[in-house]
Amino acid sequence: FFWLVHYLYGEVVLLRAWLIEANTYGIPTPNWVLNLPYGDQINTYWMTYLGTPSGIHDFFAEIGLAKLGYLATVTRSVTKSFSALGFTILFMMIILFFCYKDGRRFSRQLDKVGERVFPGRWKRISRIVPTLVSSTVSGMVIIAIGEGIVFGIVYYFVGAPMPVTLGIITGIFALIPGGAPLSMTMSSLYSAGTGEYTHGI
């Protein structure tokens, strides 16, 4: 797990450096982008926002974020958001630990309160809700995690850039109906654009 976090951190640092370089000096359109369907239209947007200095800053200005200043400010804001999300997840894991540790005692106390609030109906309600929650977790969250892990490995072997980040994005998108195929399609288009048609398929 710590290796995965370290690898993800390295990918985020590389992405940040790439964005800063693009905003400072501009980066020409890669050949694989030009080889994509509608590559000419994509090239126009690329040259406008990534191929010219301060292009990313101008993009933020166009969408109403001009007051954010330089790209470093945006990066710090995003980093703080990820830090807050990390602490939230840590807090949730601590709560989950104590729920597993003292779950039976907590369940008995909850049954007492439930019988007072819903006399005669609480036992039926309290047995249905956990089943629904368990089905939701098994059907969406666990499958999404599995898809993220499997496709992260696939991204690594087909040579996609930042496979860990792409795997996490695929896992998050898998929580949305139709989201995982969208993420996989973007990776396939990249592989096809770089000439790796077999990997793209």
Foldseek 3Di string as FASTA:
>chain_A
DVVLVVLLVVLVVVVLVLQQCQQAAADQDDQLLCQFVVSVVVNVLRCQQRRHHNSVLVVCVVVPNNVQPDPVSVVVVVVVVVVVVVVVVVVVVVVVVVCVVCVVVVVVVVVVVQCVVPPPCSVVVVVVVVVVVVCLCVVQLVVLLVQLVVQLVLCVVLVHPPSNVLSVQLSVLSNPVVRNVVSLQVSLSSCVSVVNNVSSD
